[in-house]
Structure formats: C-alpha cells, structure tokens
C-alpha cells in the first residue's frame, strides 16, 4: 500500500509546491513516487517532468484526488494541497501517514499556520511536522518561531530550507534542485529534510 505525504499551507508563498517538488526529486532517486498537484491552478503539474520513478498527476477536484489516492498501490505519494483546508485537503490528510506544514519564520506566517495545526489535531492526523522555509542565516527569529510552534503543540523539523535563488533557477529548468545543482547547499538541505521525513514515515 502506498504511503501518503501531504503538504499543506494556509497561504500562498510558503514554499509548499517547492517543498513537494524537491522532496519528490530526492525520493524518486530510489523509489517510485507519485506527485499529485491538488491545486486547481495545476502549475506544479505543468512544470514537473516525469521520469522512470516519478509520475505527476493533476487532481484539481475532491473526486479526482480521492480517486488518485485510492488507486495508488505502492511507493510514496506526495500531495501538494491547495491553500487553506478545504475538502481536497481534508481528503488528503485523512489518508496521510505524515503531514508537512512549510512556513516562513515570521509572526505573520506563524499566525496563518496556527489554525492548520488546530485542524490537524481535530482530524487526528497520524503525524505532522512543521518545516521552516526561506530561512535567512543568522536570524534570531528562527529560534523564536520554533518556540512558538512548540507552544502550539507542533513538532518542527531540525532541517530548514534556506532562502536560495537556486530553487527558482531549478524550476526554470524544470528540474528539482538535486538534479539541477546536486552539490549545492539547497540540495543538502532538502536531502536532510527528506531523511527526517523518511524516519517519520517509518514510525
């Protein structure tokens, strides 16, 4: 049976699609991955190139998403959910082994993400993990955000994703960062996050 990893966010610009795409790039190096773009815009599905172990599917409606999840038989399924917590997100969360919540380390993003953690607790998601993204080195706000997330009862990944132009450059080339710049700091960061995700999925 396929393992489902859902990536949710309450607002645009939180690197939800970037995180989904680049995690898919790491995991598809060794195992089959189905990357589902559940956003009606379909921008991620239009950009990502399929490979031998990476399939991409646009599922813009609750029915399409539920059907795709039911038909997934093996490997890892990564769902890039639309913003907020509408019906498609609820369907993905209900089938997930792990839910990732990317957010920038800022008071505004923390405030926006707080209802997500409350909703995830209500839906009894097996596990969820906050991921700090667009992190700038040497800023104190990261520690403050980690402390605030702990107060919300959220578990936060040790790995962070920095604010790096190479993500946009890789997307322009229609590649994940591990394909485009395998020795970059961004590639090392996404691999570290993938390691944490894999360990969380095994629990």
N, C-alpha and C. Protein backbone atom coordinates (compact mmCIF):
# COMPACT_ATOMS: atom_id res chain seq x y z
N UNK A 1 0.84 -1.20 0.00
CA UNK A 1 0.00 0.00 0.00
C UNK A 1 0.88 1.24 0.00
N UNK A 2 0.48 2.24 -0.76
CA UNK A 2 1.27 3.46 -0.87
C UNK A 2 1.25 4.26 0.42
N UNK A 3 2.36 4.94 0.71
CA UNK A 3 2.43 5.87 1.83
C UNK A 3 2.10 7.26 1.30
N UNK A 4 1.27 8.00 2.03
CA UNK A 4 0.84 9.32 1.58
C UNK A 4 1.46 10.39 2.47
N UNK A 5 2.12 11.34 1.82
CA UNK A 5 2.70 12.50 2.48
C UNK A 5 1.99 13.73 1.92
N UNK A 6 1.25 14.43 2.74
CA UNK A 6 0.54 15.64 2.30
C UNK A 6 1.28 16.88 2.76
N UNK A 7 1.32 17.87 1.89
CA UNK A 7 1.99 19.13 2.21
C UNK A 7 0.95 20.24 2.14
N UNK A 8 0.71 20.87 3.27
CA UNK A 8 -0.39 21.83 3.36
C UNK A 8 0.12 23.20 3.81
N UNK A 9 -0.63 24.22 3.44
CA UNK A 9 -0.30 25.59 3.84
C UNK A 9 -1.55 26.43 3.73
N UNK A 10 -1.64 27.44 4.55
CA UNK A 10 -2.87 28.24 4.59
C UNK A 10 -2.79 29.46 3.69
N UNK A 11 -1.62 29.73 3.13
CA UNK A 11 -1.46 30.91 2.29
C UNK A 11 -0.44 30.62 1.19
N UNK A 12 -0.51 31.40 0.13
CA UNK A 12 0.47 31.25 -0.94
C UNK A 12 1.83 31.79 -0.51
N UNK A 13 2.87 31.35 -1.22
CA UNK A 13 4.21 31.86 -0.94
C UNK A 13 4.92 31.18 0.21
N UNK A 14 4.37 30.05 0.71
CA UNK A 14 5.00 29.37 1.85
C UNK A 14 5.91 28.23 1.39
N UNK A 15 6.21 28.17 0.09
CA UNK A 15 7.10 27.15 -0.47
C UNK A 15 6.52 25.75 -0.41
N UNK A 16 5.20 25.67 -0.40
CA UNK A 16 4.53 24.37 -0.34
C UNK A 16 4.85 23.54 -1.60
N UNK A 17 4.66 24.13 -2.76
CA UNK A 17 4.92 23.42 -4.01
C UNK A 17 6.41 23.15 -4.21
N UNK A 18 7.24 24.11 -3.83
CA UNK A 18 8.70 23.92 -3.92
C UNK A 18 9.14 22.76 -3.05
N UNK A 19 8.59 22.67 -1.84
CA UNK A 19 8.94 21.58 -0.94
C UNK A 19 8.47 20.24 -1.51
N UNK A 20 7.25 20.21 -2.03
CA UNK A 20 6.72 18.97 -2.60
C UNK A 20 7.56 18.49 -3.77
N UNK A 21 7.85 19.39 -4.68
CA UNK A 21 8.62 19.05 -5.88
C UNK A 21 10.00 18.52 -5.53
N UNK A 22 10.68 19.22 -4.64
CA UNK A 22 12.06 18.85 -4.35
C UNK A 22 12.17 17.60 -3.48
N UNK A 23 11.20 17.38 -2.60
CA UNK A 23 11.17 16.10 -1.89
C UNK A 23 10.91 14.96 -2.87
N UNK A 24 10.03 15.18 -3.82
CA UNK A 24 9.78 14.16 -4.84
C UNK A 24 11.05 13.85 -5.61
N UNK A 25 11.84 14.89 -5.89
CA UNK A 25 13.10 14.68 -6.59
C UNK A 25 14.06 13.80 -5.82
N UNK A 26 14.12 13.99 -4.50
CA UNK A 26 15.02 13.16 -3.68
C UNK A 26 14.50 11.73 -3.60
N UNK A 27 13.23 11.57 -3.24
CA UNK A 27 12.71 10.22 -3.02
C UNK A 27 12.67 9.39 -4.31
N UNK A 28 12.43 10.05 -5.45
CA UNK A 28 12.34 9.30 -6.70
C UNK A 28 13.69 8.79 -7.19
N UNK A 29 14.77 9.17 -6.53
CA UNK A 29 16.06 8.60 -6.87
C UNK A 29 16.11 7.11 -6.53
N UNK A 30 15.31 6.69 -5.54
CA UNK A 30 15.40 5.31 -5.06
C UNK A 30 14.09 4.55 -5.05
N UNK A 31 12.97 5.23 -5.18
CA UNK A 31 11.69 4.54 -5.09
C UNK A 31 10.65 5.24 -5.98
N UNK A 32 9.59 4.51 -6.34
CA UNK A 32 8.55 5.15 -7.15
C UNK A 32 7.80 6.20 -6.35
N UNK A 33 7.57 7.34 -6.98
CA UNK A 33 6.88 8.46 -6.35
C UNK A 33 5.77 8.95 -7.28
N UNK A 34 4.61 9.17 -6.71
CA UNK A 34 3.52 9.84 -7.41
C UNK A 34 3.35 11.21 -6.79
N UNK A 35 3.57 12.25 -7.56
CA UNK A 35 3.41 13.63 -7.09
C UNK A 35 2.06 14.13 -7.60
N UNK A 36 1.17 14.42 -6.66
CA UNK A 36 -0.17 14.88 -7.01
C UNK A 36 -0.29 16.38 -6.75
N UNK A 37 -0.62 17.11 -7.79
CA UNK A 37 -0.89 18.54 -7.66
C UNK A 37 -2.39 18.71 -7.49
N UNK A 38 -2.82 18.99 -6.26
CA UNK A 38 -4.24 19.11 -5.96
C UNK A 38 -4.74 20.55 -6.03
N UNK A 39 -3.88 21.46 -6.45
CA UNK A 39 -4.28 22.86 -6.60
C UNK A 39 -4.98 23.03 -7.95
N UNK A 40 -6.13 23.67 -7.99
CA UNK A 40 -6.84 23.84 -9.26
C UNK A 40 -6.01 24.51 -10.35
N UNK A 41 -5.04 25.34 -9.97
CA UNK A 41 -4.22 26.02 -10.98
C UNK A 41 -3.37 25.05 -11.79
N UNK A 42 -2.95 23.97 -11.18
CA UNK A 42 -2.16 22.96 -11.88
C UNK A 42 -0.78 23.41 -12.30
N UNK A 43 -0.26 24.45 -11.68
CA UNK A 43 1.04 24.99 -12.10
C UNK A 43 2.18 24.02 -11.84
N UNK A 44 2.12 23.28 -10.74
CA UNK A 44 3.19 22.33 -10.43
C UNK A 44 3.18 21.18 -11.43
N UNK A 45 2.00 20.64 -11.71
CA UNK A 45 1.90 19.53 -12.66
C UNK A 45 2.38 19.93 -14.04
N UNK A 46 2.20 21.21 -14.39
CA UNK A 46 2.62 21.68 -15.71
C UNK A 46 4.14 21.81 -15.82
N UNK A 47 4.82 21.99 -14.69
CA UNK A 47 6.26 22.22 -14.72
C UNK A 47 7.09 20.96 -14.53
N UNK A 48 6.64 20.05 -13.66
CA UNK A 48 7.46 18.90 -13.30
C UNK A 48 7.53 17.90 -14.44
N UNK A 49 8.74 17.48 -14.75
CA UNK A 49 8.94 16.45 -15.77
C UNK A 49 8.91 15.07 -15.13
N UNK A 50 8.20 14.17 -15.73
CA UNK A 50 8.16 12.80 -15.23
C UNK A 50 9.47 12.08 -15.57
N UNK A 51 9.74 11.05 -14.79
CA UNK A 51 10.92 10.22 -15.04
C UNK A 51 10.54 8.76 -14.81
N UNK A 52 11.53 7.90 -14.84
CA UNK A 52 11.25 6.47 -14.67
C UNK A 52 10.55 6.18 -13.34
N UNK A 53 10.92 6.88 -12.28
CA UNK A 53 10.34 6.62 -10.97
C UNK A 53 9.47 7.76 -10.46
N UNK A 54 9.23 8.79 -11.26
CA UNK A 54 8.41 9.92 -10.83
C UNK A 54 7.25 10.13 -11.80
N UNK A 55 6.04 9.96 -11.27
CA UNK A 55 4.83 10.27 -12.03
C UNK A 55 4.19 11.51 -11.45
N UNK A 56 3.54 12.28 -12.32
CA UNK A 56 2.91 13.53 -11.89
C UNK A 56 1.44 13.51 -12.33
N UNK A 57 0.57 13.92 -11.44
CA UNK A 57 -0.86 13.90 -11.72
C UNK A 57 -1.50 15.18 -11.20
N UNK A 58 -2.36 15.79 -12.03
CA UNK A 58 -3.14 16.94 -11.60
C UNK A 58 -4.51 16.43 -11.16
N UNK A 59 -4.85 16.66 -9.90
CA UNK A 59 -6.14 16.23 -9.35
C UNK A 59 -6.82 17.44 -8.73
N UNK A 60 -7.49 18.27 -9.54
CA UNK A 60 -7.98 19.57 -9.06
C UNK A 60 -9.29 19.54 -8.29
N UNK A 61 -9.94 18.38 -8.21
CA UNK A 61 -11.23 18.29 -7.51
C UNK A 61 -11.14 17.24 -6.40
N UNK A 62 -12.03 17.33 -5.42
CA UNK A 62 -12.03 16.30 -4.37
C UNK A 62 -12.21 14.89 -4.93
N UNK A 63 -13.07 14.74 -5.94
CA UNK A 63 -13.31 13.42 -6.52
C UNK A 63 -12.05 12.90 -7.21
N UNK A 64 -11.37 13.78 -7.95
CA UNK A 64 -10.15 13.36 -8.65
C UNK A 64 -9.06 12.97 -7.67
N UNK A 65 -8.94 13.73 -6.58
CA UNK A 65 -7.91 13.44 -5.58
C UNK A 65 -8.22 12.12 -4.87
N UNK A 66 -9.46 11.94 -4.45
CA UNK A 66 -9.83 10.70 -3.77
C UNK A 66 -9.59 9.50 -4.66
N UNK A 67 -9.93 9.62 -5.95
CA UNK A 67 -9.73 8.52 -6.89
C UNK A 67 -8.24 8.20 -7.04
N UNK A 68 -7.42 9.26 -7.15
CA UNK A 68 -5.97 9.05 -7.31
C UNK A 68 -5.37 8.37 -6.09
N UNK A 69 -5.81 8.78 -4.90
CA UNK A 69 -5.29 8.18 -3.67
C UNK A 69 -5.73 6.73 -3.52
N UNK A 70 -6.95 6.44 -3.93
CA UNK A 70 -7.44 5.07 -3.82
C UNK A 70 -6.72 4.14 -4.80
N UNK A 71 -6.30 4.68 -5.96
CA UNK A 71 -5.66 3.85 -6.98
C UNK A 71 -4.16 3.67 -6.73
N UNK A 72 -3.59 4.48 -5.85
CA UNK A 72 -2.15 4.39 -5.58
C UNK A 72 -1.87 3.12 -4.77
N UNK A 73 -1.11 2.22 -5.34
CA UNK A 73 -0.91 0.91 -4.71
C UNK A 73 0.45 0.73 -4.05
N UNK A 74 1.47 1.47 -4.50
CA UNK A 74 2.80 1.26 -3.93
C UNK A 74 3.61 2.55 -4.00
N UNK A 75 4.76 2.53 -3.32
CA UNK A 75 5.63 3.68 -3.35
C UNK A 75 5.13 4.81 -2.46
N UNK A 76 5.62 5.98 -2.75
CA UNK A 76 5.29 7.18 -1.96
C UNK A 76 4.43 8.11 -2.79
N UNK A 77 3.37 8.60 -2.18
CA UNK A 77 2.50 9.60 -2.81
C UNK A 77 2.70 10.92 -2.08
N UNK A 78 3.08 11.95 -2.81
CA UNK A 78 3.25 13.29 -2.23
C UNK A 78 2.15 14.17 -2.80
N UNK A 79 1.35 14.75 -1.92
CA UNK A 79 0.23 15.59 -2.34
C UNK A 79 0.53 17.04 -2.04
N UNK A 80 0.60 17.85 -3.09
CA UNK A 80 0.73 19.30 -2.93
C UNK A 80 -0.68 19.86 -2.85
N UNK A 81 -1.13 20.14 -1.62
CA UNK A 81 -2.51 20.55 -1.39
C UNK A 81 -2.74 22.02 -1.72
N UNK A 82 -3.98 22.39 -2.07
CA UNK A 82 -4.29 23.81 -2.28
C UNK A 82 -4.24 24.55 -0.95
N UNK A 83 -4.21 25.89 -0.99
CA UNK A 83 -4.19 26.66 0.26
C UNK A 83 -5.44 26.41 1.10
N UNK A 84 -5.34 26.78 2.36
CA UNK A 84 -6.40 26.62 3.34
C UNK A 84 -6.65 25.14 3.62
N UNK A 85 -7.80 24.81 4.17
CA UNK A 85 -8.13 23.42 4.49
C UNK A 85 -9.52 23.07 3.94
N UNK A 86 -9.69 23.19 2.60
CA UNK A 86 -10.97 22.82 2.01
C UNK A 86 -11.09 21.31 1.91
N UNK A 87 -12.14 20.86 1.22
CA UNK A 87 -12.42 19.43 1.14
C UNK A 87 -11.27 18.60 0.57
N UNK A 88 -10.58 19.06 -0.51
CA UNK A 88 -9.47 18.24 -1.02
C UNK A 88 -8.37 18.03 0.01
N UNK A 89 -8.09 19.04 0.82
CA UNK A 89 -7.05 18.91 1.83
C UNK A 89 -7.48 17.92 2.90
N UNK A 90 -8.74 18.00 3.30
CA UNK A 90 -9.26 17.07 4.31
C UNK A 90 -9.14 15.63 3.81
N UNK A 91 -9.43 15.41 2.52
CA UNK A 91 -9.34 14.05 1.96
C UNK A 91 -7.90 13.55 1.98
N UNK A 92 -6.95 14.42 1.65
CA UNK A 92 -5.55 14.01 1.64
C UNK A 92 -5.05 13.76 3.05
N UNK A 93 -5.40 14.65 3.97
CA UNK A 93 -4.95 14.50 5.36
C UNK A 93 -5.47 13.20 5.96
N UNK A 94 -6.71 12.86 5.64
CA UNK A 94 -7.30 11.66 6.21
C UNK A 94 -6.57 10.39 5.79
N UNK A 95 -5.89 10.42 4.65
CA UNK A 95 -5.19 9.25 4.14
C UNK A 95 -3.67 9.31 4.36
N UNK A 96 -3.21 10.33 5.06
CA UNK A 96 -1.77 10.56 5.16
C UNK A 96 -1.13 9.82 6.32
N UNK A 97 0.10 9.39 6.10
CA UNK A 97 0.94 8.92 7.20
C UNK A 97 1.61 10.11 7.87
N UNK A 98 1.86 11.17 7.09
CA UNK A 98 2.56 12.34 7.61
C UNK A 98 2.07 13.58 6.85
N UNK A 99 1.91 14.67 7.59
CA UNK A 99 1.52 15.95 7.00
C UNK A 99 2.62 16.97 7.28
N UNK A 100 3.15 17.59 6.23
CA UNK A 100 4.15 18.64 6.38
C UNK A 100 3.48 20.00 6.25
N UNK A 101 3.91 20.93 7.09
CA UNK A 101 3.38 22.30 7.05
C UNK A 101 4.56 23.25 6.89
N UNK A 102 4.92 23.63 5.66
CA UNK A 102 6.01 24.60 5.48
C UNK A 102 5.54 26.00 5.88
N UNK A 103 6.41 26.74 6.54
CA UNK A 103 6.11 28.13 6.86
C UNK A 103 7.40 28.90 7.05
N UNK A 104 7.33 30.18 6.73
CA UNK A 104 8.48 31.04 6.95
C UNK A 104 8.55 31.43 8.43
N UNK A 105 9.75 31.65 8.94
CA UNK A 105 9.89 32.02 10.36
C UNK A 105 9.55 33.49 10.58
N UNK A 106 8.26 33.79 10.56
CA UNK A 106 7.81 35.16 10.76
C UNK A 106 6.51 35.14 11.54
N UNK A 107 6.21 36.20 12.31
CA UNK A 107 4.96 36.23 13.08
C UNK A 107 3.72 36.09 12.20
N UNK A 108 3.74 36.68 11.00
CA UNK A 108 2.57 36.60 10.12
C UNK A 108 2.32 35.18 9.65
N UNK A 109 3.39 34.49 9.26
CA UNK A 109 3.24 33.11 8.79
C UNK A 109 2.85 32.18 9.93
N UNK A 110 3.40 32.44 11.10
CA UNK A 110 3.05 31.63 12.27
C UNK A 110 1.57 31.79 12.59
N UNK A 111 1.10 33.02 12.53
CA UNK A 111 -0.32 33.28 12.80
C UNK A 111 -1.20 32.59 11.78
N UNK A 112 -0.77 32.62 10.51
CA UNK A 112 -1.56 31.99 9.45
C UNK A 112 -1.58 30.47 9.59
N UNK A 113 -0.47 29.90 10.07
CA UNK A 113 -0.37 28.44 10.17
C UNK A 113 -1.04 27.87 11.41
N UNK A 114 -1.24 28.67 12.43
CA UNK A 114 -1.78 28.17 13.69
C UNK A 114 -3.09 27.40 13.50
N UNK A 115 -4.06 27.89 12.69
CA UNK A 115 -5.30 27.11 12.52
C UNK A 115 -5.08 25.76 11.84
N UNK A 116 -4.00 25.63 11.06
CA UNK A 116 -3.73 24.34 10.43
C UNK A 116 -3.43 23.29 11.48
N UNK A 117 -2.58 23.63 12.44
CA UNK A 117 -2.23 22.66 13.48
C UNK A 117 -3.47 22.31 14.32
N UNK A 118 -4.33 23.29 14.56
CA UNK A 118 -5.56 23.00 15.29
C UNK A 118 -6.45 22.05 14.49
N UNK A 119 -6.56 22.29 13.18
CA UNK A 119 -7.38 21.43 12.33
C UNK A 119 -6.80 20.02 12.22
N UNK A 120 -5.47 19.95 12.16
CA UNK A 120 -4.85 18.63 12.07
C UNK A 120 -5.08 17.82 13.34
N UNK A 121 -5.06 18.49 14.48
CA UNK A 121 -5.33 17.78 15.73
C UNK A 121 -6.78 17.27 15.75
N UNK A 122 -7.69 18.08 15.24
CA UNK A 122 -9.10 17.68 15.21
C UNK A 122 -9.31 16.48 14.30
N UNK A 123 -8.56 16.42 13.20
CA UNK A 123 -8.71 15.33 12.24
C UNK A 123 -7.86 14.12 12.59
N UNK A 124 -7.16 14.18 13.71
CA UNK A 124 -6.35 13.04 14.17
C UNK A 124 -5.36 12.55 13.12
N UNK A 125 -4.70 13.47 12.48
CA UNK A 125 -3.66 13.07 11.53
C UNK A 125 -2.60 12.25 12.26
N UNK A 126 -2.08 11.18 11.64
CA UNK A 126 -1.12 10.32 12.33
C UNK A 126 0.10 11.09 12.85
N UNK A 127 0.57 12.03 12.07
CA UNK A 127 1.72 12.84 12.50
C UNK A 127 1.77 14.08 11.63
N UNK A 128 2.30 15.15 12.19
CA UNK A 128 2.53 16.33 11.36
C UNK A 128 3.85 16.98 11.78
N UNK A 129 4.45 17.66 10.83
CA UNK A 129 5.78 18.22 11.02
C UNK A 129 5.84 19.60 10.39
N UNK A 130 6.16 20.60 11.18
CA UNK A 130 6.37 21.95 10.64
C UNK A 130 7.76 22.03 10.02
N UNK A 131 7.87 22.73 8.91
CA UNK A 131 9.16 22.88 8.22
C UNK A 131 9.41 24.37 7.99
N UNK A 132 10.49 24.87 8.54
CA UNK A 132 10.83 26.28 8.35
C UNK A 132 11.52 26.46 7.00
N UNK A 133 10.98 27.38 6.20
CA UNK A 133 11.47 27.59 4.84
C UNK A 133 11.85 29.06 4.63
N UNK A 134 12.60 29.30 3.56
CA UNK A 134 13.07 30.65 3.24
C UNK A 134 13.79 31.27 4.44
N UNK A 135 14.57 30.43 5.10
CA UNK A 135 15.29 30.85 6.31
C UNK A 135 16.55 31.62 5.92
N UNK A 136 16.76 32.75 6.56
CA UNK A 136 17.97 33.54 6.35
C UNK A 136 18.93 33.26 7.50
N UNK A 137 20.17 32.95 7.16
CA UNK A 137 21.16 32.59 8.17
C UNK A 137 21.40 33.72 9.16
N UNK A 138 21.61 33.33 10.41
CA UNK A 138 21.98 34.30 11.43
C UNK A 138 20.85 35.12 12.00
N UNK A 139 19.60 34.73 11.75
CA UNK A 139 18.48 35.49 12.28
C UNK A 139 17.92 34.82 13.53
N UNK A 140 17.58 35.62 14.53
CA UNK A 140 17.08 35.09 15.80
C UNK A 140 15.64 34.61 15.69
N UNK A 141 14.93 35.05 14.65
CA UNK A 141 13.51 34.73 14.55
C UNK A 141 13.27 33.23 14.39
N UNK A 142 14.27 32.48 13.93
CA UNK A 142 14.11 31.03 13.77
C UNK A 142 13.86 30.38 15.12
N UNK A 143 14.70 30.70 16.11
CA UNK A 143 14.53 30.13 17.44
C UNK A 143 13.19 30.54 18.06
N UNK A 144 12.81 31.79 17.84
CA UNK A 144 11.53 32.27 18.38
C UNK A 144 10.36 31.53 17.73
N UNK A 145 10.47 31.26 16.43
CA UNK A 145 9.40 30.55 15.74
C UNK A 145 9.32 29.10 16.20
N UNK A 146 10.47 28.47 16.42
CA UNK A 146 10.48 27.09 16.93
C UNK A 146 9.79 27.03 18.30
N UNK A 147 10.08 28.01 19.15
CA UNK A 147 9.48 28.04 20.48
C UNK A 147 7.97 28.25 20.39
N UNK A 148 7.55 29.13 19.48
CA UNK A 148 6.11 29.38 19.30
C UNK A 148 5.40 28.15 18.76
N UNK A 149 6.04 27.43 17.85
CA UNK A 149 5.46 26.19 17.32
C UNK A 149 5.33 25.14 18.41
N UNK A 150 6.32 25.07 19.28
CA UNK A 150 6.25 24.12 20.40
C UNK A 150 5.06 24.45 21.31
N UNK A 151 4.81 25.75 21.50
CA UNK A 151 3.66 26.16 22.31
C UNK A 151 2.34 25.74 21.66
N UNK A 152 2.34 25.62 20.32
CA UNK A 152 1.14 25.18 19.60
C UNK A 152 1.02 23.66 19.57
N UNK A 153 2.01 22.98 20.15
CA UNK A 153 2.00 21.54 20.14
C UNK A 153 2.49 20.94 18.84
N UNK A 154 3.19 21.74 18.05
CA UNK A 154 3.67 21.27 16.75
C UNK A 154 5.11 20.79 16.85
N UNK A 155 5.40 19.70 16.18
CA UNK A 155 6.76 19.20 16.09
C UNK A 155 7.41 19.85 14.88
N UNK A 156 8.64 20.34 15.05
CA UNK A 156 9.32 21.06 13.96
C UNK A 156 10.54 20.28 13.49
N UNK A 157 10.71 20.20 12.19
CA UNK A 157 11.86 19.50 11.62
C UNK A 157 13.15 20.21 12.02
N UNK A 158 14.19 19.44 12.27
CA UNK A 158 15.51 20.03 12.54
C UNK A 158 16.05 20.69 11.28
N UNK A 159 15.83 20.05 10.13
CA UNK A 159 16.30 20.61 8.85
C UNK A 159 15.46 21.82 8.48
N UNK A 160 16.11 22.83 7.93
CA UNK A 160 15.43 24.01 7.41
C UNK A 160 15.82 24.20 5.96
N UNK A 161 14.98 24.91 5.22
CA UNK A 161 15.27 25.22 3.82
C UNK A 161 15.56 26.71 3.72
N UNK A 162 16.76 27.04 3.26
CA UNK A 162 17.18 28.43 3.21
C UNK A 162 16.53 29.21 2.07
N UNK A 163 16.67 30.51 2.17
CA UNK A 163 16.17 31.40 1.11
C UNK A 163 17.21 31.40 0.00
N UNK A 164 16.99 30.60 -1.06
CA UNK A 164 18.01 30.37 -2.07
C UNK A 164 17.43 30.50 -3.48
N UNK A 165 18.10 31.31 -4.29
CA UNK A 165 17.66 31.55 -5.67
C UNK A 165 17.71 30.28 -6.51
N UNK A 166 18.55 29.33 -6.11
CA UNK A 166 18.72 28.12 -6.91
C UNK A 166 17.41 27.34 -7.04
N UNK A 167 16.49 27.48 -6.12
CA UNK A 167 15.19 26.82 -6.26
C UNK A 167 14.45 27.36 -7.49
N UNK A 168 14.48 28.68 -7.66
CA UNK A 168 13.82 29.27 -8.83
C UNK A 168 14.56 28.92 -10.12
N UNK A 169 15.89 28.89 -10.04
CA UNK A 169 16.67 28.51 -11.22
C UNK A 169 16.38 27.07 -11.63
N UNK A 170 16.29 26.19 -10.66
CA UNK A 170 15.98 24.79 -10.95
C UNK A 170 14.58 24.66 -11.54
N UNK A 171 13.63 25.38 -10.99
CA UNK A 171 12.26 25.33 -11.52
C UNK A 171 12.21 25.83 -12.95
N UNK A 172 13.00 26.86 -13.24
CA UNK A 172 13.05 27.37 -14.61
C UNK A 172 13.56 26.35 -15.59
N UNK A 173 14.43 25.47 -15.10
CA UNK A 173 14.96 24.38 -15.93
C UNK A 173 14.07 23.14 -15.86
N UNK A 174 12.97 23.23 -15.12
CA UNK A 174 12.02 22.12 -14.92
C UNK A 174 12.70 20.93 -14.26
N UNK A 175 13.54 21.23 -13.27
CA UNK A 175 14.24 20.19 -12.53
C UNK A 175 14.13 20.45 -11.04
N UNK A 176 14.25 19.37 -10.26
CA UNK A 176 14.38 19.56 -8.82
C UNK A 176 15.80 20.06 -8.54
N UNK A 177 16.01 20.59 -7.36
CA UNK A 177 17.31 21.17 -7.05
C UNK A 177 18.40 20.09 -6.96
N UNK A 178 18.01 18.85 -6.60
CA UNK A 178 19.02 17.79 -6.54
C UNK A 178 19.46 17.35 -7.93
N UNK A 179 18.63 17.61 -8.94
CA UNK A 179 19.04 17.35 -10.32
C UNK A 179 19.83 18.52 -10.88
N UNK A 180 19.36 19.72 -10.59
CA UNK A 180 19.92 20.94 -11.18
C UNK A 180 21.26 21.32 -10.56
N UNK A 181 21.35 21.22 -9.25
CA UNK A 181 22.57 21.62 -8.53
C UNK A 181 22.82 20.64 -7.40
N UNK A 182 23.23 19.40 -7.73
CA UNK A 182 23.32 18.34 -6.72
C UNK A 182 24.31 18.60 -5.58
N UNK A 183 25.28 19.48 -5.79
CA UNK A 183 26.26 19.76 -4.74
C UNK A 183 25.99 21.07 -4.02
N UNK A 184 24.86 21.67 -4.27
CA UNK A 184 24.52 22.96 -3.66
C UNK A 184 24.08 22.78 -2.22
N UNK A 185 24.10 23.87 -1.47
CA UNK A 185 23.61 23.84 -0.10
C UNK A 185 22.11 23.53 -0.07
N UNK A 186 21.39 24.03 -1.07
CA UNK A 186 19.95 23.75 -1.15
C UNK A 186 19.69 22.26 -1.29
N UNK A 187 20.50 21.58 -2.12
CA UNK A 187 20.34 20.13 -2.29
C UNK A 187 20.62 19.40 -0.99
N UNK A 188 21.64 19.85 -0.25
CA UNK A 188 21.95 19.23 1.04
C UNK A 188 20.81 19.43 2.03
N UNK A 189 20.21 20.60 2.00
CA UNK A 189 19.10 20.89 2.92
C UNK A 189 17.88 20.02 2.62
N UNK A 190 17.53 19.89 1.34
CA UNK A 190 16.34 19.10 1.01
C UNK A 190 16.59 17.63 1.28
N UNK A 191 17.83 17.17 1.11
CA UNK A 191 18.14 15.78 1.45
C UNK A 191 18.04 15.55 2.96
N UNK A 192 18.46 16.52 3.74
CA UNK A 192 18.35 16.39 5.20
C UNK A 192 16.88 16.33 5.61
N UNK A 193 16.05 17.16 4.99
CA UNK A 193 14.62 17.12 5.30
C UNK A 193 14.01 15.79 4.86
N UNK A 194 14.41 15.30 3.69
CA UNK A 194 13.90 14.01 3.21
C UNK A 194 14.25 12.89 4.19
N UNK A 195 15.43 12.96 4.78
CA UNK A 195 15.82 11.96 5.78
C UNK A 195 14.90 11.99 6.99
N UNK A 196 14.56 13.19 7.46
CA UNK A 196 13.65 13.30 8.59
C UNK A 196 12.26 12.79 8.23
N UNK A 197 11.82 13.13 7.02
CA UNK A 197 10.51 12.68 6.57
C UNK A 197 10.46 11.14 6.50
N UNK A 198 11.49 10.55 5.95
CA UNK A 198 11.53 9.09 5.85
C UNK A 198 11.49 8.44 7.23
N UNK A 199 12.25 8.99 8.17
CA UNK A 199 12.23 8.43 9.53
C UNK A 199 10.86 8.57 10.16
N UNK A 200 10.20 9.71 9.93
CA UNK A 200 8.86 9.93 10.48
C UNK A 200 7.84 8.97 9.87
N UNK A 201 7.99 8.68 8.58
CA UNK A 201 7.07 7.77 7.92
C UNK A 201 7.21 6.35 8.44
N UNK A 202 8.39 5.99 8.93
CA UNK A 202 8.64 4.64 9.41
C UNK A 202 8.14 4.41 10.83
N UNK A 203 7.77 5.48 11.52
CA UNK A 203 7.35 5.32 12.91
C UNK A 203 5.96 4.66 12.99
